[in-house]
Amino acid sequence: MSRPTGRVFDMGLQAERTALAWRRTALAMAVAAVGAGRLAVPVLGAVALAIAALGLFQALLVSEASRRRYWIVHKSLTTQGNLAAVRLAGAPIAGLACSGVLVGLLALAFVLAA
């Protein structure tokens, strides 16, 4: 994939701010998965580690999907002037939802087992 030009499409930098927000979200997801896994290991054992690993994987997927989406948005805006080339805009949101469900299941299992 070629790098987009350095030309700024708009002065508000909405695409850049959105990319940074997704980066923070992915980092928070990773921290939450590790923290929840660490707290649940004494109660759930290996199951907690497996769910925490799935949460980390989801965080990586969200991070990668948002990074790719940023470059696609940037390229589309700077070359075409619109967002016609952007597809699968909901992929990071779907990943976030899946990760939230995984962490919620880990929390539920922890509460029920305690």
PDB file of N, CA and C in Angstrom:
ATOM      1  N   MET A   1       0.848  -1.165   0.000  1.00  0.00           N
ATOM      2  CA  MET A   1       0.000   0.000   0.000  1.00  0.00           C
ATOM      3  C   MET A   1       0.897   1.232   0.000  1.00  0.00           C
ATOM      4  N   SER A   2       0.665   2.141  -0.923  1.00  0.00           N
ATOM      5  CA  SER A   2       1.481   3.350  -0.991  1.00  0.00           C
ATOM      6  C   SER A   2       1.020   4.339   0.066  1.00  0.00           C
ATOM      7  N   ARG A   3       1.961   5.132   0.521  1.00  0.00           N
ATOM      8  CA  ARG A   3       1.664   6.142   1.531  1.00  0.00           C
ATOM      9  C   ARG A   3       0.930   7.311   0.890  1.00  0.00           C
ATOM     10  N   PRO A   4      -0.085   7.852   1.594  1.00  0.00           N
ATOM     11  CA  PRO A   4      -0.762   9.024   1.072  1.00  0.00           C
ATOM     12  C   PRO A   4       0.155  10.236   1.088  1.00  0.00           C
ATOM     13  N   THR A   5      -0.224  11.236   0.333  1.00  0.00           N
ATOM     14  CA  THR A   5       0.561  12.457   0.309  1.00  0.00           C
ATOM     15  C   THR A   5       0.445  13.164   1.640  1.00  0.00           C
ATOM     16  N   GLY A   6       1.336  14.103   1.888  1.00  0.00           N
ATOM     17  CA  GLY A   6       1.324  14.857   3.128  1.00  0.00           C
ATOM     18  C   GLY A   6       0.326  16.003   3.120  1.00  0.00           C
ATOM     19  N   ARG A   7      -0.380  16.182   2.025  1.00  0.00           N
ATOM     20  CA  ARG A   7      -1.328  17.291   1.916  1.00  0.00           C
ATOM     21  C   ARG A   7      -2.482  17.106   2.907  1.00  0.00           C
ATOM     22  N   VAL A   8      -2.812  18.171   3.635  1.00  0.00           N
ATOM     23  CA  VAL A   8      -3.900  18.140   4.597  1.00  0.00           C
ATOM     24  C   VAL A   8      -5.192  18.468   3.864  1.00  0.00           C
ATOM     25  N   PHE A   9      -6.192  17.600   4.003  1.00  0.00           N
ATOM     26  CA  PHE A   9      -7.466  17.801   3.322  1.00  0.00           C
ATOM     27  C   PHE A   9      -8.270  18.917   3.976  1.00  0.00           C
ATOM     28  N   ASP A  10      -8.298  18.949   5.296  1.00  0.00           N
ATOM     29  CA  ASP A  10      -9.057  19.989   5.994  1.00  0.00           C
ATOM     30  C   ASP A  10      -8.259  20.483   7.188  1.00  0.00           C
ATOM     31  N   MET A  11      -8.548  21.679   7.600  1.00  0.00           N
ATOM     32  CA  MET A  11      -7.801  22.275   8.707  1.00  0.00           C
ATOM     33  C   MET A  11      -8.236  21.717  10.066  1.00  0.00           C
ATOM     34  N   GLY A  12      -9.393  21.109  10.135  1.00  0.00           N
ATOM     35  CA  GLY A  12      -9.862  20.559  11.398  1.00  0.00           C
ATOM     36  C   GLY A  12      -9.230  19.229  11.747  1.00  0.00           C
ATOM     37  N   LEU A  13      -8.610  18.579  10.774  1.00  0.00           N
ATOM     38  CA  LEU A  13      -7.929  17.293  10.967  1.00  0.00           C
ATOM     39  C   LEU A  13      -8.845  16.235  11.603  1.00  0.00           C
ATOM     40  N   GLN A  14     -10.086  16.158  11.111  1.00  0.00           N
ATOM     41  CA  GLN A  14     -11.036  15.206  11.691  1.00  0.00           C
ATOM     42  C   GLN A  14     -10.564  13.760  11.557  1.00  0.00           C
ATOM     43  N   ALA A  15     -10.025  13.406  10.401  1.00  0.00           N
ATOM     44  CA  ALA A  15      -9.570  12.018  10.210  1.00  0.00           C
ATOM     45  C   ALA A  15      -8.426  11.685  11.166  1.00  0.00           C
ATOM     46  N   GLU A  16      -7.544  12.641  11.384  1.00  0.00           N
ATOM     47  CA  GLU A  16      -6.422  12.414  12.292  1.00  0.00           C
ATOM     48  C   GLU A  16      -6.892  12.291  13.733  1.00  0.00           C
ATOM     49  N   ARG A  17      -7.830  13.139  14.131  1.00  0.00           N
ATOM     50  CA  ARG A  17      -8.368  13.054  15.492  1.00  0.00           C
ATOM     51  C   ARG A  17      -9.100  11.736  15.707  1.00  0.00           C
ATOM     52  N   THR A  18      -9.835  11.289  14.705  1.00  0.00           N
ATOM     53  CA  THR A  18     -10.541  10.015  14.814  1.00  0.00           C
ATOM     54  C   THR A  18      -9.551   8.862  14.931  1.00  0.00           C
ATOM     55  N   ALA A  19      -8.479   8.910  14.152  1.00  0.00           N
ATOM     56  CA  ALA A  19      -7.456   7.856  14.228  1.00  0.00           C
ATOM     57  C   ALA A  19      -6.811   7.821  15.613  1.00  0.00           C
ATOM     58  N   LEU A  20      -6.531   8.973  16.177  1.00  0.00           N
ATOM     59  CA  LEU A  20      -5.954   9.010  17.525  1.00  0.00           C
ATOM     60  C   LEU A  20      -6.932   8.473  18.566  1.00  0.00           C
ATOM     61  N   ALA A  21      -8.215   8.790  18.404  1.00  0.00           N
ATOM     62  CA  ALA A  21      -9.222   8.279  19.341  1.00  0.00           C
ATOM     63  C   ALA A  21      -9.301   6.754  19.275  1.00  0.00           C
ATOM     64  N   TRP A  22      -9.243   6.201  18.055  1.00  0.00           N
ATOM     65  CA  TRP A  22      -9.265   4.744  17.929  1.00  0.00           C
ATOM     66  C   TRP A  22      -8.009   4.120  18.507  1.00  0.00           C
ATOM     67  N   ARG A  23      -6.886   4.804  18.373  1.00  0.00           N
ATOM     68  CA  ARG A  23      -5.640   4.286  18.958  1.00  0.00           C
ATOM     69  C   ARG A  23      -5.752   4.233  20.481  1.00  0.00           C
ATOM     70  N   ARG A  24      -6.302   5.285  21.078  1.00  0.00           N
ATOM     71  CA  ARG A  24      -6.510   5.292  22.536  1.00  0.00           C
ATOM     72  C   ARG A  24      -7.497   4.208  22.948  1.00  0.00           C
ATOM     73  N   THR A  25      -8.538   4.013  22.166  1.00  0.00           N
ATOM     74  CA  THR A  25      -9.531   2.991  22.477  1.00  0.00           C
ATOM     75  C   THR A  25      -8.909   1.600  22.448  1.00  0.00           C
ATOM     76  N   ALA A  26      -8.102   1.318  21.430  1.00  0.00           N
ATOM     77  CA  ALA A  26      -7.441   0.011  21.337  1.00  0.00           C
ATOM     78  C   ALA A  26      -6.496  -0.204  22.518  1.00  0.00           C
ATOM     79  N   LEU A  27      -5.793   0.841  22.920  1.00  0.00           N
ATOM     80  CA  LEU A  27      -4.897   0.723  24.073  1.00  0.00           C
ATOM     81  C   LEU A  27      -5.695   0.454  25.346  1.00  0.00           C
ATOM     82  N   ALA A  28      -6.806   1.148  25.524  1.00  0.00           N
ATOM     83  CA  ALA A  28      -7.650   0.919  26.696  1.00  0.00           C
ATOM     84  C   ALA A  28      -8.215  -0.500  26.700  1.00  0.00           C
ATOM     85  N   MET A  29      -8.585  -1.007  25.512  1.00  0.00           N
ATOM     86  CA  MET A  29      -9.081  -2.378  25.417  1.00  0.00           C
ATOM     87  C   MET A  29      -8.010  -3.378  25.848  1.00  0.00           C
ATOM     88  N   ALA A  30      -6.785  -3.152  25.415  1.00  0.00           N
ATOM     89  CA  ALA A  30      -5.693  -4.058  25.770  1.00  0.00           C
ATOM     90  C   ALA A  30      -5.432  -4.028  27.277  1.00  0.00           C
ATOM     91  N   VAL A  31      -5.411  -2.846  27.844  1.00  0.00           N
ATOM     92  CA  VAL A  31      -5.180  -2.721  29.287  1.00  0.00           C
ATOM     93  C   VAL A  31      -6.314  -3.379  30.074  1.00  0.00           C
ATOM     94  N   ALA A  32      -7.547  -3.175  29.622  1.00  0.00           N
ATOM     95  CA  ALA A  32      -8.693  -3.787  30.305  1.00  0.00           C
ATOM     96  C   ALA A  32      -8.633  -5.310  30.224  1.00  0.00           C
ATOM     97  N   ALA A  33      -8.260  -5.840  29.075  1.00  0.00           N
ATOM     98  CA  ALA A  33      -8.179  -7.296  28.931  1.00  0.00           C
ATOM     99  C   ALA A  33      -7.107  -7.882  29.838  1.00  0.00           C
ATOM    100  N   VAL A  34      -5.956  -7.238  29.883  1.00  0.00           N
ATOM    101  CA  VAL A  34      -4.868  -7.728  30.741  1.00  0.00           C
ATOM    102  C   VAL A  34      -5.256  -7.605  32.214  1.00  0.00           C
ATOM    103  N   GLY A  35      -5.821  -6.464  32.588  1.00  0.00           N
ATOM    104  CA  GLY A  35      -6.218  -6.263  33.988  1.00  0.00           C
ATOM    105  C   GLY A  35      -7.294  -7.244  34.427  1.00  0.00           C
ATOM    106  N   ALA A  36      -8.306  -7.421  33.600  1.00  0.00           N
ATOM    107  CA  ALA A  36      -9.375  -8.357  33.947  1.00  0.00           C
ATOM    108  C   ALA A  36      -8.845  -9.783  34.016  1.00  0.00           C
ATOM    109  N   GLY A  37      -7.985 -10.145  33.081  1.00  0.00           N
ATOM    110  CA  GLY A  37      -7.398 -11.480  33.115  1.00  0.00           C
ATOM    111  C   GLY A  37      -6.569 -11.717  34.361  1.00  0.00           C
ATOM    112  N   ARG A  38      -5.794 -10.701  34.730  1.00  0.00           N
ATOM    113  CA  ARG A  38      -4.934 -10.816  35.910  1.00  0.00           C
ATOM    114  C   ARG A  38      -5.768 -10.998  37.182  1.00  0.00           C
ATOM    115  N   LEU A  39      -6.868 -10.255  37.270  1.00  0.00           N
ATOM    116  CA  LEU A  39      -7.722 -10.377  38.454  1.00  0.00           C
ATOM    117  C   LEU A  39      -8.483 -11.690  38.498  1.00  0.00           C
ATOM    118  N   ALA A  40      -8.800 -12.253  37.349  1.00  0.00           N
ATOM    119  CA  ALA A  40      -9.629 -13.459  37.301  1.00  0.00           C
ATOM    120  C   ALA A  40      -8.831 -14.758  37.325  1.00  0.00           C
ATOM    121  N   VAL A  41      -7.536 -14.704  37.133  1.00  0.00           N
ATOM    122  CA  VAL A  41      -6.729 -15.933  37.098  1.00  0.00           C
ATOM    123  C   VAL A  41      -6.856 -16.751  38.381  1.00  0.00           C
ATOM    124  N   PRO A  42      -6.812 -16.148  39.567  1.00  0.00           N
ATOM    125  CA  PRO A  42      -6.943 -16.983  40.777  1.00  0.00           C
ATOM    126  C   PRO A  42      -8.273 -17.726  40.860  1.00  0.00           C
ATOM    127  N   VAL A  43      -9.327 -17.170  40.265  1.00  0.00           N
ATOM    128  CA  VAL A  43     -10.645 -17.788  40.358  1.00  0.00           C
ATOM    129  C   VAL A  43     -10.895 -18.737  39.193  1.00  0.00           C
ATOM    130  N   LEU A  44     -10.559 -18.291  37.971  1.00  0.00           N
ATOM    131  CA  LEU A  44     -10.905 -19.061  36.774  1.00  0.00           C
ATOM    132  C   LEU A  44      -9.742 -19.839  36.164  1.00  0.00           C
ATOM    133  N   GLY A  45      -8.545 -19.533  36.534  1.00  0.00           N
ATOM    134  CA  GLY A  45      -7.378 -20.243  36.018  1.00  0.00           C
ATOM    135  C   GLY A  45      -7.117 -19.978  34.545  1.00  0.00           C
ATOM    136  N   ALA A  46      -6.931 -21.047  33.796  1.00  0.00           N
ATOM    137  CA  ALA A  46      -6.550 -20.936  32.383  1.00  0.00           C
ATOM    138  C   ALA A  46      -7.648 -20.317  31.522  1.00  0.00           C
ATOM    139  N   VAL A  47      -8.896 -20.463  31.943  1.00  0.00           N
ATOM    140  CA  VAL A  47      -9.997 -19.861  31.182  1.00  0.00           C
ATOM    141  C   VAL A  47      -9.842 -18.342  31.162  1.00  0.00           C
ATOM    142  N   ALA A  48      -9.446 -17.766  32.290  1.00  0.00           N
ATOM    143  CA  ALA A  48      -9.241 -16.314  32.365  1.00  0.00           C
ATOM    144  C   ALA A  48      -8.127 -15.883  31.422  1.00  0.00           C
ATOM    145  N   LEU A  49      -7.072 -16.673  31.361  1.00  0.00           N
ATOM    146  CA  LEU A  49      -5.970 -16.338  30.455  1.00  0.00           C
ATOM    147  C   LEU A  49      -6.402 -16.414  28.998  1.00  0.00           C
ATOM    148  N   ALA A  50      -7.206 -17.408  28.676  1.00  0.00           N
ATOM    149  CA  ALA A  50      -7.685 -17.547  27.298  1.00  0.00           C
ATOM    150  C   ALA A  50      -8.583 -16.376  26.909  1.00  0.00           C
ATOM    151  N   ILE A  51      -9.479 -15.977  27.803  1.00  0.00           N
ATOM    152  CA  ILE A  51     -10.368 -14.856  27.498  1.00  0.00           C
ATOM    153  C   ILE A  51      -9.572 -13.553  27.419  1.00  0.00           C
ATOM    154  N   ALA A  52      -8.595 -13.386  28.299  1.00  0.00           N
ATOM    155  CA  ALA A  52      -7.750 -12.190  28.250  1.00  0.00           C
ATOM    156  C   ALA A  52      -6.953 -12.155  26.946  1.00  0.00           C
ATOM    157  N   ALA A  53      -6.467 -13.306  26.503  1.00  0.00           N
ATOM    158  CA  ALA A  53      -5.735 -13.353  25.233  1.00  0.00           C
ATOM    159  C   ALA A  53      -6.652 -12.998  24.065  1.00  0.00           C
ATOM    160  N   LEU A  54      -7.900 -13.458  24.104  1.00  0.00           N
ATOM    161  CA  LEU A  54      -8.855 -13.079  23.066  1.00  0.00           C
ATOM    162  C   LEU A  54      -9.130 -11.577  23.096  1.00  0.00           C
ATOM    163  N   GLY A  55      -9.211 -11.007  24.288  1.00  0.00           N
ATOM    164  CA  GLY A  55      -9.393  -9.563  24.412  1.00  0.00           C
ATOM    165  C   GLY A  55      -8.220  -8.791  23.838  1.00  0.00           C
ATOM    166  N   LEU A  56      -7.011  -9.272  24.081  1.00  0.00           N
ATOM    167  CA  LEU A  56      -5.818  -8.639  23.502  1.00  0.00           C
ATOM    168  C   LEU A  56      -5.813  -8.746  21.984  1.00  0.00           C
ATOM    169  N   PHE A  57      -6.215  -9.898  21.488  1.00  0.00           N
ATOM    170  CA  PHE A  57      -6.289 -10.087  20.043  1.00  0.00           C
ATOM    171  C   PHE A  57      -7.304  -9.129  19.428  1.00  0.00           C
ATOM    172  N   GLN A  58      -8.448  -8.981  20.076  1.00  0.00           N
ATOM    173  CA  GLN A  58      -9.455  -8.039  19.590  1.00  0.00           C
ATOM    174  C   GLN A  58      -8.912  -6.613  19.593  1.00  0.00           C
ATOM    175  N   ALA A  59      -8.168  -6.241  20.623  1.00  0.00           N
ATOM    176  CA  ALA A  59      -7.582  -4.901  20.680  1.00  0.00           C
ATOM    177  C   ALA A  59      -6.609  -4.693  19.517  1.00  0.00           C
ATOM    178  N   LEU A  60      -5.830  -5.710  19.204  1.00  0.00           N
ATOM    179  CA  LEU A  60      -4.919  -5.612  18.062  1.00  0.00           C
ATOM    180  C   LEU A  60      -5.679  -5.483  16.748  1.00  0.00           C
ATOM    181  N   LEU A  61      -6.767  -6.223  16.618  1.00  0.00           N
ATOM    182  CA  LEU A  61      -7.579  -6.124  15.407  1.00  0.00           C
ATOM    183  C   LEU A  61      -8.191  -4.736  15.249  1.00  0.00           C
ATOM    184  N   VAL A  62      -8.699  -4.180  16.323  1.00  0.00           N
ATOM    185  CA  VAL A  62      -9.275  -2.836  16.270  1.00  0.00           C
ATOM    186  C   VAL A  62      -8.202  -1.819  15.910  1.00  0.00           C
ATOM    187  N   SER A  63      -7.020  -1.959  16.495  1.00  0.00           N
ATOM    188  CA  SER A  63      -5.931  -1.040  16.195  1.00  0.00           C
ATOM    189  C   SER A  63      -5.532  -1.108  14.724  1.00  0.00           C
ATOM    190  N   GLU A  64      -5.391  -2.298  14.212  1.00  0.00           N
ATOM    191  CA  GLU A  64      -4.998  -2.462  12.806  1.00  0.00           C
ATOM    192  C   GLU A  64      -6.091  -1.987  11.858  1.00  0.00           C
ATOM    193  N   ALA A  65      -7.341  -2.311  12.157  1.00  0.00           N
ATOM    194  CA  ALA A  65      -8.449  -1.868  11.301  1.00  0.00           C
ATOM    195  C   ALA A  65      -8.561  -0.354  11.283  1.00  0.00           C
ATOM    196  N   SER A  66      -8.363   0.278  12.430  1.00  0.00           N
ATOM    197  CA  SER A  66      -8.455   1.735  12.462  1.00  0.00           C
ATOM    198  C   SER A  66      -7.272   2.381  11.743  1.00  0.00           C
ATOM    199  N   ARG A  67      -6.087   1.766  11.836  1.00  0.00           N
ATOM    200  CA  ARG A  67      -4.922   2.304  11.129  1.00  0.00           C
ATOM    201  C   ARG A  67      -5.132   2.226   9.622  1.00  0.00           C
ATOM    202  N   ARG A  68      -5.613   1.086   9.157  1.00  0.00           N
ATOM    203  CA  ARG A  68      -5.876   0.934   7.719  1.00  0.00           C
ATOM    204  C   ARG A  68      -6.970   1.886   7.253  1.00  0.00           C
ATOM    205  N   ARG A  69      -8.017   2.025   8.068  1.00  0.00           N
ATOM    206  CA  ARG A  69      -9.113   2.911   7.687  1.00  0.00           C
ATOM    207  C   ARG A  69      -8.628   4.352   7.589  1.00  0.00           C
ATOM    208  N   TYR A  70      -7.747   4.763   8.511  1.00  0.00           N
ATOM    209  CA  TYR A  70      -7.233   6.136   8.438  1.00  0.00           C
ATOM    210  C   TYR A  70      -6.522   6.371   7.108  1.00  0.00           C
ATOM    211  N   TRP A  71      -5.660   5.444   6.716  1.00  0.00           N
ATOM    212  CA  TRP A  71      -4.916   5.640   5.464  1.00  0.00           C
ATOM    213  C   TRP A  71      -5.853   5.638   4.257  1.00  0.00           C
ATOM    214  N   ILE A  72      -6.878   4.814   4.297  1.00  0.00           N
ATOM    215  CA  ILE A  72      -7.848   4.793   3.198  1.00  0.00           C
ATOM    216  C   ILE A  72      -8.620   6.109   3.147  1.00  0.00           C
ATOM    217  N   VAL A  73      -9.057   6.589   4.312  1.00  0.00           N
ATOM    218  CA  VAL A  73      -9.776   7.869   4.363  1.00  0.00           C
ATOM    219  C   VAL A  73      -8.875   8.998   3.876  1.00  0.00           C
ATOM    220  N   HIS A  74      -7.654   9.030   4.372  1.00  0.00           N
ATOM    221  CA  HIS A  74      -6.723  10.096   3.990  1.00  0.00           C
ATOM    222  C   HIS A  74      -6.461  10.085   2.483  1.00  0.00           C
ATOM    223  N   LYS A  75      -6.221   8.899   1.957  1.00  0.00           N
ATOM    224  CA  LYS A  75      -5.961   8.795   0.520  1.00  0.00           C
ATOM    225  C   LYS A  75      -7.185   9.204  -0.292  1.00  0.00           C
ATOM    226  N   SER A  76      -8.361   8.750   0.134  1.00  0.00           N
ATOM    227  CA  SER A  76      -9.585   9.090  -0.588  1.00  0.00           C
ATOM    228  C   SER A  76      -9.849  10.591  -0.555  1.00  0.00           C
ATOM    229  N   LEU A  77      -9.643  11.214   0.593  1.00  0.00           N
ATOM    230  CA  LEU A  77      -9.894  12.649   0.705  1.00  0.00           C
ATOM    231  C   LEU A  77      -8.891  13.481  -0.087  1.00  0.00           C
ATOM    232  N   THR A  78      -7.625  13.075  -0.062  1.00  0.00           N
ATOM    233  CA  THR A  78      -6.620  13.882  -0.752  1.00  0.00           C
ATOM    234  C   THR A  78      -6.594  13.651  -2.253  1.00  0.00           C
ATOM    235  N   THR A  79      -6.993  12.471  -2.722  1.00  0.00           N
ATOM    236  CA  THR A  79      -6.958  12.221  -4.166  1.00  0.00           C
ATOM    237  C   THR A  79      -8.297  12.496  -4.842  1.00  0.00           C
ATOM    238  N   GLN A  80      -9.399  12.075  -4.198  1.00  0.00           N
ATOM    239  CA  GLN A  80     -10.716  12.221  -4.816  1.00  0.00           C
ATOM    240  C   GLN A  80     -11.520  13.379  -4.240  1.00  0.00           C
ATOM    241  N   GLY A  81     -11.192  13.790  -3.031  1.00  0.00           N
ATOM    242  CA  GLY A  81     -11.933  14.863  -2.385  1.00  0.00           C
ATOM    243  C   GLY A  81     -13.221  14.412  -1.729  1.00  0.00           C
ATOM    244  N   ASN A  82     -13.448  13.094  -1.651  1.00  0.00           N
ATOM    245  CA  ASN A  82     -14.639  12.578  -0.983  1.00  0.00           C
ATOM    246  C   ASN A  82     -14.296  11.236  -0.335  1.00  0.00           C
ATOM    247  N   LEU A  83     -15.301  10.615   0.262  1.00  0.00           N
ATOM    248  CA  LEU A  83     -15.084   9.345   0.953  1.00  0.00           C
ATOM    249  C   LEU A  83     -15.668   8.164   0.184  1.00  0.00           C
ATOM    250  N   ALA A  84     -15.723   8.264  -1.128  1.00  0.00           N
ATOM    251  CA  ALA A  84     -16.314   7.210  -1.946  1.00  0.00           C
ATOM    252  C   ALA A  84     -15.536   5.893  -1.845  1.00  0.00           C
ATOM    253  N   ALA A  85     -14.248   5.948  -1.600  1.00  0.00           N
ATOM    254  CA  ALA A  85     -13.431   4.737  -1.562  1.00  0.00           C
ATOM    255  C   ALA A  85     -13.471   4.036  -0.203  1.00  0.00           C
ATOM    256  N   VAL A  86     -14.097   4.643   0.788  1.00  0.00           N
ATOM    257  CA  VAL A  86     -14.098   4.070   2.133  1.00  0.00           C
ATOM    258  C   VAL A  86     -15.209   3.029   2.248  1.00  0.00           C
ATOM    259  N   ARG A  87     -14.795   1.799   2.531  1.00  0.00           N
ATOM    260  CA  ARG A  87     -15.730   0.699   2.761  1.00  0.00           C
ATOM    261  C   ARG A  87     -15.407   0.079   4.115  1.00  0.00           C
ATOM    262  N   LEU A  88     -16.332  -0.652   4.625  1.00  0.00           N
ATOM    263  CA  LEU A  88     -16.173  -1.335   5.910  1.00  0.00           C
ATOM    264  C   LEU A  88     -15.802  -0.363   7.036  1.00  0.00           C
ATOM    265  N   ALA A  89     -16.485   0.755   7.071  1.00  0.00           N
ATOM    266  CA  ALA A  89     -16.196   1.757   8.099  1.00  0.00           C
ATOM    267  C   ALA A  89     -16.534   1.251   9.491  1.00  0.00           C
ATOM    268  N   GLY A  90     -17.397   0.272   9.598  1.00  0.00           N
ATOM    269  CA  GLY A  90     -17.809  -0.232  10.891  1.00  0.00           C
ATOM    270  C   GLY A  90     -16.936  -1.330  11.454  1.00  0.00           C
ATOM    271  N   ALA A  91     -15.874  -1.721  10.766  1.00  0.00           N
ATOM    272  CA  ALA A  91     -15.033  -2.821  11.249  1.00  0.00           C
ATOM    273  C   ALA A  91     -14.416  -2.530  12.626  1.00  0.00           C
ATOM    274  N   PRO A  92     -13.833  -1.347  12.863  1.00  0.00           N
ATOM    275  CA  PRO A  92     -13.300  -1.105  14.206  1.00  0.00           C
ATOM    276  C   PRO A  92     -14.390  -1.099  15.277  1.00  0.00           C
ATOM    277  N   ILE A  93     -15.568  -0.598  14.938  1.00  0.00           N
ATOM    278  CA  ILE A  93     -16.662  -0.571  15.906  1.00  0.00           C
ATOM    279  C   ILE A  93     -17.112  -1.993  16.231  1.00  0.00           C
ATOM    280  N   ALA A  94     -17.180  -2.855  15.231  1.00  0.00           N
ATOM    281  CA  ALA A  94     -17.552  -4.250  15.460  1.00  0.00           C
ATOM    282  C   ALA A  94     -16.506  -4.943  16.335  1.00  0.00           C
ATOM    283  N   GLY A  95     -15.243  -4.674  16.083  1.00  0.00           N
ATOM    284  CA  GLY A  95     -14.183  -5.242  16.921  1.00  0.00           C
ATOM    285  C   GLY A  95     -14.278  -4.770  18.357  1.00  0.00           C
ATOM    286  N   LEU A  96     -14.588  -3.499  18.530  1.00  0.00           N
ATOM    287  CA  LEU A  96     -14.753  -2.952  19.871  1.00  0.00           C
ATOM    288  C   LEU A  96     -15.916  -3.624  20.592  1.00  0.00           C
ATOM    289  N   ALA A  97     -17.018  -3.827  19.891  1.00  0.00           N
ATOM    290  CA  ALA A  97     -18.171  -4.488  20.486  1.00  0.00           C
ATOM    291  C   ALA A  97     -17.833  -5.920  20.895  1.00  0.00           C
ATOM    292  N   CYS A  98     -17.112  -6.634  20.034  1.00  0.00           N
ATOM    293  CA  CYS A  98     -16.709  -8.017  20.368  1.00  0.00           C
ATOM    294  C   CYS A  98     -15.801  -8.045  21.587  1.00  0.00           C
ATOM    295  N   SER A  99     -14.881  -7.115  21.655  1.00  0.00           N
ATOM    296  CA  SER A  99     -13.982  -7.066  22.795  1.00  0.00           C
ATOM    297  C   SER A  99     -14.742  -6.737  24.069  1.00  0.00           C
ATOM    298  N   GLY A 100     -15.693  -5.828  23.969  1.00  0.00           N
ATOM    299  CA  GLY A 100     -16.505  -5.496  25.136  1.00  0.00           C
ATOM    300  C   GLY A 100     -17.285  -6.696  25.640  1.00  0.00           C
ATOM    301  N   VAL A 101     -17.804  -7.486  24.729  1.00  0.00           N
ATOM    302  CA  VAL A 101     -18.530  -8.697  25.111  1.00  0.00           C
ATOM    303  C   VAL A 101     -17.582  -9.692  25.790  1.00  0.00           C
ATOM    304  N   LEU A 102     -16.385  -9.856  25.253  1.00  0.00           N
ATOM    305  CA  LEU A 102     -15.422 -10.779  25.867  1.00  0.00           C
ATOM    306  C   LEU A 102     -15.044 -10.351  27.275  1.00  0.00           C
ATOM    307  N   VAL A 103     -14.761  -9.081  27.451  1.00  0.00           N
ATOM    308  CA  VAL A 103     -14.390  -8.597  28.778  1.00  0.00           C
ATOM    309  C   VAL A 103     -15.593  -8.696  29.718  1.00  0.00           C
ATOM    310  N   GLY A 104     -16.792  -8.427  29.214  1.00  0.00           N
ATOM    311  CA  GLY A 104     -17.992  -8.577  30.032  1.00  0.00           C
ATOM    312  C   GLY A 104     -18.217 -10.014  30.468  1.00  0.00           C
ATOM    313  N   LEU A 105     -17.976 -10.965  29.572  1.00  0.00           N
ATOM    314  CA  LEU A 105     -18.096 -12.385  29.929  1.00  0.00           C
ATOM    315  C   LEU A 105     -17.083 -12.778  30.988  1.00  0.00           C
ATOM    316  N   LEU A 106     -15.867 -12.249  30.865  1.00  0.00           N
ATOM    317  CA  LEU A 106     -14.844 -12.522  31.873  1.00  0.00           C
ATOM    318  C   LEU A 106     -15.284 -11.971  33.228  1.00  0.00           C
ATOM    319  N   ALA A 107     -15.833 -10.778  33.237  1.00  0.00           N
ATOM    320  CA  ALA A 107     -16.301 -10.184  34.493  1.00  0.00           C
ATOM    321  C   ALA A 107     -17.464 -10.982  35.085  1.00  0.00           C
ATOM    322  N   LEU A 108     -18.392 -11.411  34.236  1.00  0.00           N
ATOM    323  CA  LEU A 108     -19.520 -12.206  34.695  1.00  0.00           C
ATOM    324  C   LEU A 108     -19.056 -13.536  35.282  1.00  0.00           C
ATOM    325  N   ALA A 109     -18.129 -14.203  34.591  1.00  0.00           N
ATOM    326  CA  ALA A 109     -17.608 -15.479  35.083  1.00  0.00           C
ATOM    327  C   ALA A 109     -16.894 -15.273  36.417  1.00  0.00           C
ATOM    328  N   PHE A 110     -16.187 -14.179  36.552  1.00  0.00           N
ATOM    329  CA  PHE A 110     -15.472 -13.889  37.799  1.00  0.00           C
ATOM    330  C   PHE A 110     -16.451 -13.707  38.952  1.00  0.00           C
ATOM    331  N   VAL A 111     -17.530 -12.956  38.700  1.00  0.00           N
ATOM    332  CA  VAL A 111     -18.510 -12.682  39.737  1.00  0.00           C
ATOM    333  C   VAL A 111     -19.261 -13.959  40.124  1.00  0.00           C
ATOM    334  N   LEU A 112     -19.656 -14.753  39.124  1.00  0.00           N
ATOM    335  CA  LEU A 112     -20.401 -15.968  39.417  1.00  0.00           C
ATOM    336  C   LEU A 112     -19.535 -17.032  40.111  1.00  0.00           C
ATOM    337  N   ALA A 113     -18.248 -17.058  39.787  1.00  0.00           N
ATOM    338  CA  ALA A 113     -17.374 -18.063  40.398  1.00  0.00           C
ATOM    339  C   ALA A 113     -16.924 -17.678  41.791  1.00  0.00           C
ATOM    340  N   ALA A 114     -16.989 -16.410  42.109  1.00  0.00           N
ATOM    341  CA  ALA A 114     -16.490 -15.946  43.428  1.00  0.00           C
ATOM    342  C   ALA A 114     -17.440 -16.230  44.552  1.00  0.00           C
TER     343      ALA A 114
END
